[in-house]
Amino acid sequence: MALFLWPVNTGMEKITIVTLIDITETKQYRRESNRELEVKQQQNFLTLLQTIGMRVNPTYDKSPHSEISDGTIYKFGTEIVGLQKIWIFEFYFDYEGGFTDNLGNRCGLLVEDLHLVPVIDGLTESVSLEIPMFDTKTSNYRNTVIYAEPDK
């Protein structure tokens, strides 16, 4: 009988997503009266998670959290100014290069995958979206920024 030992350093990569989209993980899956907001928030979180899951199997130990921050710190679009409500989501995956594009950008493929994915807006966001979608690329309306740690 062989014994398989997992390596001590599994090479987990960490990605941080900062967005102006309400991605609160509510775990509210069923539509119940007075719970519509929580269902829509959960749907946005699941949309994000499923998009990530097209390339890697993400793991996370904390749900996305929200805070108020200056939008210019995170390199959102130029039209997004002043204090904004942001959501921060950190996740891990277990193999190197899962989102690395052919230019060597460690988040390049996730930036491409997530760009223009539809979301539900009008939840608890502080911004009004031009079009309800994750925007990871445009210079003036970018509402989602992705960092590979420790690149931040």
Protein backbone atom coordinates (compact mmCIF):
# COMPACT_ATOMS: atom_id res chain seq x y z
CA MET A 1 0.00 0.00 0.00
CA ALA A 2 1.46 3.35 -1.08
CA LEU A 3 1.16 6.49 0.99
CA PHE A 4 0.79 9.75 -0.91
CA LEU A 5 1.99 12.90 0.86
CA TRP A 6 0.95 16.37 -0.31
CA PRO A 7 3.87 18.74 -0.75
CA VAL A 8 4.35 21.26 2.04
CA ASN A 9 4.39 24.21 -0.38
CA THR A 10 1.53 23.71 -2.80
CA GLY A 11 2.23 26.93 -4.69
CA MET A 12 -1.16 28.52 -4.00
CA GLU A 13 -1.62 31.73 -5.95
CA LYS A 14 -3.63 34.58 -4.45
CA ILE A 15 -5.83 36.93 -6.47
CA THR A 16 -7.59 40.01 -5.12
CA ILE A 17 -10.60 41.47 -6.90
CA VAL A 18 -11.72 44.98 -5.99
CA THR A 19 -15.05 46.01 -7.49
CA LEU A 20 -17.79 48.60 -7.30
CA ILE A 21 -20.35 45.85 -8.00
CA ASP A 22 -22.27 44.52 -5.00
CA ILE A 23 -20.92 40.97 -4.69
CA THR A 24 -22.03 40.36 -1.11
CA GLU A 25 -22.16 36.65 -0.36
CA THR A 26 -25.51 36.27 1.40
CA LYS A 27 -26.08 32.53 0.84
CA GLN A 28 -29.67 33.44 0.08
CA TYR A 29 -30.62 31.18 -2.81
CA ARG A 30 -34.38 31.00 -2.65
CA ARG A 31 -36.72 33.84 -3.38
CA GLU A 32 -38.60 34.72 -0.24
CA SER A 33 -40.61 37.80 0.54
CA ASN A 34 -38.41 40.67 1.71
CA ARG A 35 -35.22 38.79 0.68
CA GLU A 36 -34.98 39.90 -2.97
CA LEU A 37 -31.93 42.11 -2.31
CA GLU A 38 -30.00 39.22 -0.75
CA VAL A 39 -30.89 36.91 -3.64
CA LYS A 40 -29.59 39.44 -6.18
CA GLN A 41 -26.40 40.04 -4.20
CA GLN A 42 -25.80 36.28 -4.06
CA GLN A 43 -26.42 36.01 -7.81
CA ASN A 44 -23.70 38.60 -8.47
CA PHE A 45 -21.29 36.73 -6.19
CA LEU A 46 -22.06 33.43 -7.94
CA THR A 47 -21.59 35.05 -11.35
CA LEU A 48 -18.13 36.18 -10.26
CA LEU A 49 -17.26 32.80 -8.76
CA GLN A 50 -18.47 30.88 -11.83
CA THR A 51 -16.48 33.12 -14.17
CA ILE A 52 -13.35 32.50 -12.09
CA GLY A 53 -14.18 28.79 -12.09
CA MET A 54 -13.97 28.54 -15.86
CA ARG A 55 -10.16 28.35 -15.53
CA VAL A 56 -9.35 27.40 -11.93
CA ASN A 57 -10.98 25.88 -8.89
CA PRO A 58 -11.01 28.84 -6.52
CA THR A 59 -10.91 28.51 -2.76
CA TYR A 60 -11.53 31.29 -0.29
CA ASP A 61 -11.65 31.59 3.45
CA LYS A 62 -13.49 34.91 3.73
CA SER A 63 -16.55 36.22 1.93
CA PRO A 64 -16.16 39.49 0.04
CA HIS A 65 -16.19 42.44 2.40
CA SER A 66 -17.18 46.01 1.66
CA GLU A 67 -15.70 49.30 2.76
CA ILE A 68 -15.73 52.94 1.78
CA SER A 69 -12.58 54.03 -0.03
CA ASP A 70 -11.24 56.63 -2.43
CA GLY A 71 -11.84 55.19 -5.90
CA THR A 72 -8.56 56.53 -7.28
CA ILE A 73 -6.51 54.25 -5.01
CA TYR A 74 -7.60 51.15 -6.92
CA LYS A 75 -7.25 52.51 -10.47
CA PHE A 76 -10.94 52.45 -11.34
CA GLY A 77 -12.03 54.36 -14.43
CA THR A 78 -11.47 58.09 -14.68
CA GLU A 79 -15.22 58.76 -14.35
CA ILE A 80 -15.22 57.18 -10.88
CA VAL A 81 -14.14 59.82 -8.37
CA GLY A 82 -14.42 60.42 -4.66
CA LEU A 83 -15.39 58.04 -1.91
CA GLN A 84 -17.02 54.85 -3.14
CA LYS A 85 -18.37 51.66 -1.64
CA ILE A 86 -16.09 48.87 -2.80
CA TRP A 87 -16.08 45.11 -2.37
CA ILE A 88 -12.86 43.19 -1.91
CA PHE A 89 -12.68 39.46 -2.62
CA GLU A 90 -9.55 37.36 -2.16
CA PHE A 91 -9.27 33.83 -3.43
CA TYR A 92 -6.63 31.21 -4.03
CA PHE A 93 -6.01 28.47 -6.54
CA ASP A 94 -3.53 25.68 -6.50
CA TYR A 95 -1.44 25.93 -9.61
CA GLU A 96 0.86 28.57 -10.99
CA GLY A 97 -0.16 30.49 -14.08
CA GLY A 98 -3.89 29.78 -14.06
CA PHE A 99 -4.69 33.29 -15.31
CA THR A 100 -1.36 34.24 -16.91
CA ASP A 101 -1.76 35.53 -20.47
CA ASN A 102 0.78 35.25 -23.29
CA LEU A 103 2.29 38.61 -22.25
CA GLY A 104 3.09 37.31 -18.77
CA ASN A 105 0.34 39.28 -16.98
CA ARG A 106 -0.63 36.99 -14.07
CA CYS A 107 -4.26 38.27 -14.13
CA GLY A 108 -4.56 38.78 -17.89
CA LEU A 109 -6.91 35.90 -18.66
CA LEU A 110 -9.23 36.72 -15.75
CA VAL A 111 -9.36 40.37 -16.87
CA GLU A 112 -10.46 39.11 -20.30
CA ASP A 113 -12.90 36.51 -18.94
CA LEU A 114 -14.65 38.90 -16.53
CA HIS A 115 -14.86 41.92 -18.86
CA LEU A 116 -18.45 42.60 -19.98
CA VAL A 117 -20.01 39.81 -17.87
CA PRO A 118 -23.54 41.02 -16.94
CA VAL A 119 -24.46 41.76 -13.33
CA ILE A 120 -27.49 42.93 -11.40
CA ASP A 121 -27.13 46.59 -10.48
CA GLY A 122 -29.10 48.96 -8.29
CA LEU A 123 -28.33 47.02 -5.11
CA THR A 124 -26.16 48.78 -2.51
CA GLU A 125 -23.54 50.22 -4.88
CA SER A 126 -22.50 53.85 -4.55
CA VAL A 127 -22.15 54.28 -8.31
CA SER A 128 -24.65 54.15 -11.11
CA LEU A 129 -23.42 51.80 -13.82
CA GLU A 130 -23.54 52.91 -17.44
CA ILE A 131 -24.23 49.28 -18.39
CA PRO A 132 -24.72 46.61 -15.67
CA MET A 133 -21.59 44.53 -16.18
CA PHE A 134 -18.14 43.92 -14.81
CA ASP A 135 -15.84 46.36 -16.63
CA THR A 136 -12.20 45.37 -16.21
CA LYS A 137 -10.70 47.20 -19.17
CA THR A 138 -12.10 50.60 -20.17
CA SER A 139 -10.16 53.63 -19.04
CA ASN A 140 -13.14 55.74 -18.01
CA TYR A 141 -15.72 53.27 -16.60
CA ARG A 142 -13.58 50.42 -15.19
CA ASN A 143 -15.45 49.18 -12.11
CA THR A 144 -13.42 46.07 -11.33
CA VAL A 145 -9.67 45.76 -10.78
CA ILE A 146 -7.78 42.50 -10.36
CA TYR A 147 -4.45 42.04 -8.60
CA ALA A 148 -2.16 39.03 -8.34
CA GLU A 149 -0.46 39.07 -4.98
CA PRO A 150 2.03 40.48 -4.21
CA ASP A 151 1.76 42.66 -7.36
CA LYS A 152 -0.62 45.11 -5.66
